[in-house]
Full PDB file with SEQRES, HELIX, SHEET, SSBOND, CRYST1, ORIGX, SCALE, CONECT and MASTER records, all heavy atoms in Angstrom:
SEQRES   1 A   30  VAL GLU ARG LEU PHE ALA HIS LEU MET ARG SER ARG ARG          
SEQRES   2 A   30  LEU ALA ARG ASP PHE GLU ARG ARG ILE ALA SER ALA GLU          
SEQRES   3 A   30  ALA MET ILE TYR                                              
HELIX    1 AA1 GLU A    2  LEU A    8  1                                   7    
HELIX    2 AA2 ARG A   12  LEU A   14  5                                   3    
HELIX    3 AA3 ILE A   22  ILE A   29  1                                   8    
CRYST1    1.000    1.000    1.000  90.00  90.00  90.00 P 1           1          
ORIGX1      1.000000  0.000000  0.000000        0.00000                         
ORIGX2      0.000000  1.000000  0.000000        0.00000                         
ORIGX3      0.000000  0.000000  1.000000        0.00000                         
SCALE1      1.000000  0.000000  0.000000        0.00000                         
SCALE2      0.000000  1.000000  0.000000        0.00000                         
SCALE3      0.000000  0.000000  1.000000        0.00000                         
ATOM      1  N   VAL A   1     102.565 120.959 105.128  1.00  0.00           N  
ATOM      2  CA  VAL A   1     101.724 120.865 103.986  1.00  0.00           C  
ATOM      3  C   VAL A   1     101.565 122.210 103.292  1.00  0.00           C  
ATOM      4  O   VAL A   1     101.551 122.233 102.074  1.00  0.00           O  
ATOM      5  CB  VAL A   1     100.202 120.447 104.555  1.00  0.00           C  
ATOM      6  CG1 VAL A   1      99.175 120.458 103.452  1.00  0.00           C  
ATOM      7  CG2 VAL A   1     100.246 119.086 105.187  1.00  0.00           C  
ATOM      8  N   GLU A   2     101.518 123.230 104.030  1.00  0.00           N  
ATOM      9  CA  GLU A   2     101.418 124.619 103.369  1.00  0.00           C  
ATOM     10  C   GLU A   2     102.734 124.923 102.494  1.00  0.00           C  
ATOM     11  O   GLU A   2     102.547 125.431 101.432  1.00  0.00           O  
ATOM     12  CB  GLU A   2     101.302 125.746 104.408  1.00  0.00           C  
ATOM     13  CG  GLU A   2      99.956 125.562 105.193  1.00  0.00           C  
ATOM     14  CD  GLU A   2      98.738 125.676 104.393  1.00  0.00           C  
ATOM     15  OE1 GLU A   2      98.735 126.379 103.315  1.00  0.00           O  
ATOM     16  OE2 GLU A   2      97.757 125.045 104.769  1.00  0.00           O  
ATOM     17  N   ARG A   3     103.847 124.438 103.025  1.00  0.00           N  
ATOM     18  CA  ARG A   3     105.088 124.524 102.176  1.00  0.00           C  
ATOM     19  C   ARG A   3     105.066 123.781 100.957  1.00  0.00           C  
ATOM     20  O   ARG A   3     105.448 124.229  99.943  1.00  0.00           O  
ATOM     21  CB  ARG A   3     106.260 124.215 103.102  1.00  0.00           C  
ATOM     22  CG  ARG A   3     107.586 124.376 102.402  1.00  0.00           C  
ATOM     23  CD  ARG A   3     108.691 123.960 103.245  1.00  0.00           C  
ATOM     24  NE  ARG A   3     108.593 122.462 103.442  1.00  0.00           N  
ATOM     25  CZ  ARG A   3     109.303 121.763 104.324  1.00  0.00           C  
ATOM     26  NH1 ARG A   3     110.183 122.427 105.103  1.00  0.00           N  
ATOM     27  NH2 ARG A   3     109.075 120.498 104.465  1.00  0.00           N  
ATOM     28  N   LEU A   4     104.550 122.523 100.952  1.00  0.00           N  
ATOM     29  CA  LEU A   4     104.384 121.716  99.798  1.00  0.00           C  
ATOM     30  C   LEU A   4     103.503 122.423  98.793  1.00  0.00           C  
ATOM     31  O   LEU A   4     103.778 122.461  97.641  1.00  0.00           O  
ATOM     32  CB  LEU A   4     103.778 120.375 100.145  1.00  0.00           C  
ATOM     33  CG  LEU A   4     103.423 119.520  98.967  1.00  0.00           C  
ATOM     34  CD1 LEU A   4     104.673 119.023  98.242  1.00  0.00           C  
ATOM     35  CD2 LEU A   4     102.624 118.341  99.425  1.00  0.00           C  
ATOM     36  N   PHE A   5     102.246 122.923  99.274  1.00  0.00           N  
ATOM     37  CA  PHE A   5     101.433 123.707  98.340  1.00  0.00           C  
ATOM     38  C   PHE A   5     102.141 124.840  97.721  1.00  0.00           C  
ATOM     39  O   PHE A   5     101.840 125.138  96.493  1.00  0.00           O  
ATOM     40  CB  PHE A   5     100.173 124.030  99.069  1.00  0.00           C  
ATOM     41  CG  PHE A   5      99.215 122.979  99.437  1.00  0.00           C  
ATOM     42  CD1 PHE A   5      98.320 123.090 100.464  1.00  0.00           C  
ATOM     43  CD2 PHE A   5      99.226 121.774  98.750  1.00  0.00           C  
ATOM     44  CE1 PHE A   5      97.496 122.056 100.825  1.00  0.00           C  
ATOM     45  CE2 PHE A   5      98.363 120.747  99.035  1.00  0.00           C  
ATOM     46  CZ  PHE A   5      97.520 120.828 100.056  1.00  0.00           C  
ATOM     47  N   ALA A   6     102.936 125.582  98.462  1.00  0.00           N  
ATOM     48  CA  ALA A   6     103.647 126.770  97.871  1.00  0.00           C  
ATOM     49  C   ALA A   6     104.569 126.231  96.920  1.00  0.00           C  
ATOM     50  O   ALA A   6     104.727 126.937  95.779  1.00  0.00           O  
ATOM     51  CB  ALA A   6     104.413 127.450  99.027  1.00  0.00           C  
ATOM     52  N   HIS A   7     105.378 125.184  97.083  1.00  0.00           N  
ATOM     53  CA  HIS A   7     106.203 124.587  96.053  1.00  0.00           C  
ATOM     54  C   HIS A   7     105.462 124.264  94.783  1.00  0.00           C  
ATOM     55  O   HIS A   7     105.948 124.505  93.637  1.00  0.00           O  
ATOM     56  CB  HIS A   7     107.019 123.471  96.548  1.00  0.00           C  
ATOM     57  CG  HIS A   7     108.122 123.842  97.552  1.00  0.00           C  
ATOM     58  ND1 HIS A   7     109.092 124.823  97.326  1.00  0.00           N  
ATOM     59  CD2 HIS A   7     108.302 123.364  98.836  1.00  0.00           C  
ATOM     60  CE1 HIS A   7     109.857 124.819  98.350  1.00  0.00           C  
ATOM     61  NE2 HIS A   7     109.435 124.070  99.244  1.00  0.00           N  
ATOM     62  N   LEU A   8     104.397 123.635  94.958  1.00  0.00           N  
ATOM     63  CA  LEU A   8     103.660 123.274  93.758  1.00  0.00           C  
ATOM     64  C   LEU A   8     102.934 124.392  92.980  1.00  0.00           C  
ATOM     65  O   LEU A   8     102.996 124.319  91.776  1.00  0.00           O  
ATOM     66  CB  LEU A   8     102.368 122.327  94.177  1.00  0.00           C  
ATOM     67  CG  LEU A   8     102.822 120.839  94.675  1.00  0.00           C  
ATOM     68  CD1 LEU A   8     101.525 120.172  95.183  1.00  0.00           C  
ATOM     69  CD2 LEU A   8     103.498 120.096  93.559  1.00  0.00           C  
ATOM     70  N   MET A   9     102.582 125.384  93.671  1.00  0.00           N  
ATOM     71  CA  MET A   9     102.109 126.513  92.936  1.00  0.00           C  
ATOM     72  C   MET A   9     103.129 127.403  92.269  1.00  0.00           C  
ATOM     73  O   MET A   9     102.824 128.204  91.433  1.00  0.00           O  
ATOM     74  CB  MET A   9     101.322 127.430  93.998  1.00  0.00           C  
ATOM     75  CG  MET A   9     100.029 126.876  94.501  1.00  0.00           C  
ATOM     76  SD  MET A   9      98.953 126.367  93.229  1.00  0.00           S  
ATOM     77  CE  MET A   9      98.857 124.610  93.315  1.00  0.00           C  
ATOM     78  N   ARG A  10     104.439 127.091  92.441  1.00  0.00           N  
ATOM     79  CA  ARG A  10     105.477 127.778  91.664  1.00  0.00           C  
ATOM     80  C   ARG A  10     105.484 127.321  90.266  1.00  0.00           C  
ATOM     81  O   ARG A  10     105.965 127.993  89.407  1.00  0.00           O  
ATOM     82  CB  ARG A  10     106.837 127.519  92.313  1.00  0.00           C  
ATOM     83  CG  ARG A  10     107.018 128.273  93.593  1.00  0.00           C  
ATOM     84  CD  ARG A  10     108.313 127.979  94.304  1.00  0.00           C  
ATOM     85  NE  ARG A  10     109.464 128.292  93.471  1.00  0.00           N  
ATOM     86  CZ  ARG A  10     110.677 128.036  93.722  1.00  0.00           C  
ATOM     87  NH1 ARG A  10     110.961 127.332  94.698  1.00  0.00           N  
ATOM     88  NH2 ARG A  10     111.629 128.385  92.943  1.00  0.00           N  
ATOM     89  N   SER A  11     104.920 126.115  90.018  1.00  0.00           N  
ATOM     90  CA  SER A  11     104.764 125.604  88.658  1.00  0.00           C  
ATOM     91  C   SER A  11     103.439 126.281  88.025  1.00  0.00           C  
ATOM     92  O   SER A  11     102.364 125.932  88.620  1.00  0.00           O  
ATOM     93  CB  SER A  11     104.594 124.111  88.623  1.00  0.00           C  
ATOM     94  OG  SER A  11     105.764 123.495  89.176  1.00  0.00           O  
ATOM     95  N   ARG A  12     103.636 127.062  87.129  1.00  0.00           N  
ATOM     96  CA  ARG A  12     102.452 127.783  86.594  1.00  0.00           C  
ATOM     97  C   ARG A  12     101.245 126.922  86.134  1.00  0.00           C  
ATOM     98  O   ARG A  12     100.128 127.355  86.351  1.00  0.00           O  
ATOM     99  CB  ARG A  12     102.827 128.650  85.351  1.00  0.00           C  
ATOM    100  CG  ARG A  12     103.744 129.845  85.841  1.00  0.00           C  
ATOM    101  CD  ARG A  12     103.971 130.746  84.621  1.00  0.00           C  
ATOM    102  NE  ARG A  12     102.819 131.305  84.141  1.00  0.00           N  
ATOM    103  CZ  ARG A  12     102.700 131.801  82.955  1.00  0.00           C  
ATOM    104  NH1 ARG A  12     103.755 131.865  82.112  1.00  0.00           N  
ATOM    105  NH2 ARG A  12     101.541 132.362  82.526  1.00  0.00           N  
ATOM    106  N   ARG A  13     101.482 125.743  85.649  1.00  0.00           N  
ATOM    107  CA  ARG A  13     100.497 124.851  85.136  1.00  0.00           C  
ATOM    108  C   ARG A  13      99.635 124.302  86.374  1.00  0.00           C  
ATOM    109  O   ARG A  13      98.511 123.967  86.132  1.00  0.00           O  
ATOM    110  CB  ARG A  13     101.080 123.682  84.325  1.00  0.00           C  
ATOM    111  CG  ARG A  13     100.085 122.972  83.688  1.00  0.00           C  
ATOM    112  CD  ARG A  13     100.698 122.110  82.509  1.00  0.00           C  
ATOM    113  NE  ARG A  13      99.712 121.109  81.999  1.00  0.00           N  
ATOM    114  CZ  ARG A  13     100.038 120.391  81.021  1.00  0.00           C  
ATOM    115  NH1 ARG A  13     101.216 120.368  80.530  1.00  0.00           N  
ATOM    116  NH2 ARG A  13      99.123 119.486  80.536  1.00  0.00           N  
ATOM    117  N   LEU A  14     100.195 124.172  87.484  1.00  0.00           N  
ATOM    118  CA  LEU A  14      99.493 123.726  88.680  1.00  0.00           C  
ATOM    119  C   LEU A  14      98.744 124.770  89.428  1.00  0.00           C  
ATOM    120  O   LEU A  14      98.062 124.469  90.392  1.00  0.00           O  
ATOM    121  CB  LEU A  14     100.505 123.045  89.569  1.00  0.00           C  
ATOM    122  CG  LEU A  14     101.089 121.681  88.995  1.00  0.00           C  
ATOM    123  CD1 LEU A  14     102.037 121.188  89.924  1.00  0.00           C  
ATOM    124  CD2 LEU A  14      99.967 120.658  88.844  1.00  0.00           C  
ATOM    125  N   ALA A  15      98.938 126.066  88.971  1.00  0.00           N  
ATOM    126  CA  ALA A  15      98.285 127.151  89.722  1.00  0.00           C  
ATOM    127  C   ALA A  15      96.825 127.113  89.522  1.00  0.00           C  
ATOM    128  O   ALA A  15      96.055 127.670  90.408  1.00  0.00           O  
ATOM    129  CB  ALA A  15      98.914 128.484  89.288  1.00  0.00           C  
ATOM    130  N   ARG A  16      96.344 126.605  88.414  1.00  0.00           N  
ATOM    131  CA  ARG A  16      94.914 126.443  88.102  1.00  0.00           C  
ATOM    132  C   ARG A  16      94.662 125.011  87.757  1.00  0.00           C  
ATOM    133  O   ARG A  16      95.612 124.252  87.263  1.00  0.00           O  
ATOM    134  CB  ARG A  16      94.488 127.334  86.943  1.00  0.00           C  
ATOM    135  CG  ARG A  16      94.735 128.771  87.366  1.00  0.00           C  
ATOM    136  CD  ARG A  16      93.607 129.325  88.216  1.00  0.00           C  
ATOM    137  NE  ARG A  16      93.725 130.725  88.498  1.00  0.00           N  
ATOM    138  CZ  ARG A  16      94.419 131.308  89.506  1.00  0.00           C  
ATOM    139  NH1 ARG A  16      94.920 130.534  90.346  1.00  0.00           N  
ATOM    140  NH2 ARG A  16      94.482 132.593  89.613  1.00  0.00           N  
ATOM    141  N   ASP A  17      93.481 124.544  87.810  1.00  0.00           N  
ATOM    142  CA  ASP A  17      93.176 123.164  87.516  1.00  0.00           C  
ATOM    143  C   ASP A  17      92.687 123.025  85.999  1.00  0.00           C  
ATOM    144  O   ASP A  17      91.541 123.173  85.716  1.00  0.00           O  
ATOM    145  CB  ASP A  17      92.061 122.676  88.376  1.00  0.00           C  
ATOM    146  CG  ASP A  17      91.845 121.107  88.246  1.00  0.00           C  
ATOM    147  OD1 ASP A  17      92.752 120.497  87.761  1.00  0.00           O  
ATOM    148  OD2 ASP A  17      90.861 120.600  88.782  1.00  0.00           O  
ATOM    149  N   PHE A  18      93.718 122.890  85.139  1.00  0.00           N  
ATOM    150  CA  PHE A  18      93.438 122.820  83.675  1.00  0.00           C  
ATOM    151  C   PHE A  18      93.351 121.464  83.178  1.00  0.00           C  
ATOM    152  O   PHE A  18      93.025 121.239  82.026  1.00  0.00           O  
ATOM    153  CB  PHE A  18      94.479 123.547  82.909  1.00  0.00           C  
ATOM    154  CG  PHE A  18      94.469 125.057  83.164  1.00  0.00           C  
ATOM    155  CD1 PHE A  18      95.556 125.737  83.532  1.00  0.00           C  
ATOM    156  CD2 PHE A  18      93.303 125.865  82.975  1.00  0.00           C  
ATOM    157  CE1 PHE A  18      95.582 127.118  83.729  1.00  0.00           C  
ATOM    158  CE2 PHE A  18      93.283 127.130  83.142  1.00  0.00           C  
ATOM    159  CZ  PHE A  18      94.394 127.769  83.520  1.00  0.00           C  
ATOM    160  N   GLU A  19      93.790 120.552  83.962  1.00  0.00           N  
ATOM    161  CA  GLU A  19      93.882 119.075  83.439  1.00  0.00           C  
ATOM    162  C   GLU A  19      92.567 118.432  83.348  1.00  0.00           C  
ATOM    163  O   GLU A  19      91.615 118.618  84.213  1.00  0.00           O  
ATOM    164  CB  GLU A  19      94.801 118.239  84.338  1.00  0.00           C  
ATOM    165  CG  GLU A  19      96.142 118.911  84.628  1.00  0.00           C  
ATOM    166  CD  GLU A  19      96.965 119.074  83.408  1.00  0.00           C  
ATOM    167  OE1 GLU A  19      96.891 118.240  82.481  1.00  0.00           O  
ATOM    168  OE2 GLU A  19      97.710 120.023  83.344  1.00  0.00           O  
ATOM    169  N   ARG A  20      92.339 117.684  82.261  1.00  0.00           N  
ATOM    170  CA  ARG A  20      91.067 117.029  82.072  1.00  0.00           C  
ATOM    171  C   ARG A  20      91.053 115.601  82.784  1.00  0.00           C  
ATOM    172  O   ARG A  20      90.076 115.036  83.105  1.00  0.00           O  
ATOM    173  CB  ARG A  20      90.823 116.758  80.642  1.00  0.00           C  
ATOM    174  CG  ARG A  20      90.480 118.115  79.886  1.00  0.00           C  
ATOM    175  CD  ARG A  20      90.228 117.858  78.417  1.00  0.00           C  
ATOM    176  NE  ARG A  20      90.040 119.150  77.743  1.00  0.00           N  
ATOM    177  CZ  ARG A  20      88.991 119.371  77.084  1.00  0.00           C  
ATOM    178  NH1 ARG A  20      87.938 118.547  77.026  1.00  0.00           N  
ATOM    179  NH2 ARG A  20      88.820 120.524  76.529  1.00  0.00           N  
ATOM    180  N   ARG A  21      92.219 115.038  82.883  1.00  0.00           N  
ATOM    181  CA  ARG A  21      92.405 113.775  83.554  1.00  0.00           C  
ATOM    182  C   ARG A  21      93.131 113.742  84.849  1.00  0.00           C  
ATOM    183  O   ARG A  21      94.068 114.584  84.861  1.00  0.00           O  
ATOM    184  CB  ARG A  21      92.865 112.749  82.472  1.00  0.00           C  
ATOM    185  CG  ARG A  21      92.007 112.526  81.268  1.00  0.00           C  
ATOM    186  CD  ARG A  21      92.610 111.450  80.535  1.00  0.00           C  
ATOM    187  NE  ARG A  21      91.631 110.933  79.528  1.00  0.00           N  
ATOM    188  CZ  ARG A  21      91.413 111.563  78.382  1.00  0.00           C  
ATOM    189  NH1 ARG A  21      92.093 112.734  78.056  1.00  0.00           N  
ATOM    190  NH2 ARG A  21      90.569 111.033  77.513  1.00  0.00           N  
ATOM    191  N   ILE A  22      92.750 112.884  85.734  1.00  0.00           N  
ATOM    192  CA  ILE A  22      93.567 112.845  86.947  1.00  0.00           C  
ATOM    193  C   ILE A  22      94.940 112.378  86.692  1.00  0.00           C  
ATOM    194  O   ILE A  22      95.869 112.851  87.376  1.00  0.00           O  
ATOM    195  CB  ILE A  22      92.754 111.981  88.010  1.00  0.00           C  
ATOM    196  CG1 ILE A  22      91.418 112.557  88.395  1.00  0.00           C  
ATOM    197  CG2 ILE A  22      93.650 111.669  89.223  1.00  0.00           C  
ATOM    198  CD1 ILE A  22      90.558 111.656  89.262  1.00  0.00           C  
ATOM    199  N   ALA A  23      95.138 111.461  85.783  1.00  0.00           N  
ATOM    200  CA  ALA A  23      96.486 110.918  85.570  1.00  0.00           C  
ATOM    201  C   ALA A  23      97.399 112.058  85.085  1.00  0.00           C  
ATOM    202  O   ALA A  23      98.553 112.148  85.489  1.00  0.00           O  
ATOM    203  CB  ALA A  23      96.307 109.876  84.603  1.00  0.00           C  
ATOM    204  N   SER A  24      96.906 112.939  84.204  1.00  0.00           N  
ATOM    205  CA  SER A  24      97.802 114.081  83.804  1.00  0.00           C  
ATOM    206  C   SER A  24      98.065 115.063  84.896  1.00  0.00           C  
ATOM    207  O   SER A  24      99.140 115.672  84.943  1.00  0.00           O  
ATOM    208  CB  SER A  24      97.225 114.772  82.548  1.00  0.00           C  
ATOM    209  OG  SER A  24      95.944 115.382  82.802  1.00  0.00           O  
ATOM    210  N   ALA A  25      96.988 115.311  85.769  1.00  0.00           N  
ATOM    211  CA  ALA A  25      97.323 116.218  86.853  1.00  0.00           C  
ATOM    212  C   ALA A  25      98.363 115.518  87.852  1.00  0.00           C  
ATOM    213  O   ALA A  25      99.284 116.338  88.286  1.00  0.00           O  
ATOM    214  CB  ALA A  25      96.005 116.513  87.586  1.00  0.00           C  
ATOM    215  N   GLU A  26      98.225 114.289  88.069  1.00  0.00           N  
ATOM    216  CA  GLU A  26      99.247 113.603  88.876  1.00  0.00           C  
ATOM    217  C   GLU A  26     100.646 113.637  88.267  1.00  0.00           C  
ATOM    218  O   GLU A  26     101.678 113.843  88.981  1.00  0.00           O  
ATOM    219  CB  GLU A  26      98.829 112.137  89.095  1.00  0.00           C  
ATOM    220  CG  GLU A  26      99.643 111.343  89.996  1.00  0.00           C  
ATOM    221  CD  GLU A  26      99.244 109.901  90.192  1.00  0.00           C  
ATOM    222  OE1 GLU A  26      98.180 109.537  89.578  1.00  0.00           O  
ATOM    223  OE2 GLU A  26      99.855 109.217  90.910  1.00  0.00           O  
ATOM    224  N   ALA A  27     100.767 113.475  86.981  1.00  0.00           N  
ATOM    225  CA  ALA A  27     102.007 113.574  86.360  1.00  0.00           C  
ATOM    226  C   ALA A  27     102.684 114.866  86.494  1.00  0.00           C  
ATOM    227  O   ALA A  27     103.796 115.113  86.566  1.00  0.00           O  
ATOM    228  CB  ALA A  27     101.802 113.188  84.744  1.00  0.00           C  
ATOM    229  N   MET A  28     101.743 115.952  86.404  1.00  0.00           N  
ATOM    230  CA  MET A  28     102.287 117.292  86.512  1.00  0.00           C  
ATOM    231  C   MET A  28     102.927 117.544  88.047  1.00  0.00           C  
ATOM    232  O   MET A  28     103.818 118.294  88.187  1.00  0.00           O  
ATOM    233  CB  MET A  28     101.280 118.334  86.221  1.00  0.00           C  
ATOM    234  CG  MET A  28     100.923 118.444  84.756  1.00  0.00           C  
ATOM    235  SD  MET A  28     102.363 118.732  83.688  1.00  0.00           S  
ATOM    236  CE  MET A  28     103.027 120.261  84.293  1.00  0.00           C  
ATOM    237  N   ILE A  29     102.211 116.963  88.940  1.00  0.00           N  
ATOM    238  CA  ILE A  29     102.690 117.026  90.345  1.00  0.00           C  
ATOM    239  C   ILE A  29     104.017 116.416  90.522  1.00  0.00           C  
ATOM    240  O   ILE A  29     104.968 116.903  91.074  1.00  0.00           O  
ATOM    241  CB  ILE A  29     101.603 116.496  91.306  1.00  0.00           C  
ATOM    242  CG1 ILE A  29     100.512 117.449  91.380  1.00  0.00           C  
ATOM    243  CG2 ILE A  29     102.233 116.373  92.724  1.00  0.00           C  
ATOM    244  CD1 ILE A  29      99.345 116.905  92.188  1.00  0.00           C  
ATOM    245  N   TYR A  30     104.174 115.189  89.904  1.00  0.00           N  
ATOM    246  CA  TYR A  30     105.441 114.478  89.913  1.00  0.00           C  
ATOM    247  C   TYR A  30     106.485 115.281  89.228  1.00  0.00           C  
ATOM    248  O   TYR A  30     107.628 115.389  89.637  1.00  0.00           O  
ATOM    249  CB  TYR A  30     105.326 113.109  89.256  1.00  0.00           C  
ATOM    250  CG  TYR A  30     104.699 112.121  90.032  1.00  0.00           C  
ATOM    251  CD1 TYR A  30     103.681 111.243  89.448  1.00  0.00           C  
ATOM    252  CD2 TYR A  30     105.068 111.854  91.406  1.00  0.00           C  
ATOM    253  CE1 TYR A  30     103.020 110.366  90.256  1.00  0.00           C  
ATOM    254  CE2 TYR A  30     104.273 110.901  92.140  1.00  0.00           C  
ATOM    255  CZ  TYR A  30     103.357 110.090  91.572  1.00  0.00           C  
ATOM    256  OH  TYR A  30     102.807 109.177  92.278  1.00  0.00           O  
TER     257      TYR A  30                                                      
MASTER        0    0    0    3    0    0    0    6  256    1    0    3          
END                                                                             
């Protein structure tokens, strides 16, 4: 799980919670 979080945080947009909708946050994770 920690390794997954580290991979996700490499994407700058996912480093902070800027998304207004859950669907757009989910799309950014995909």
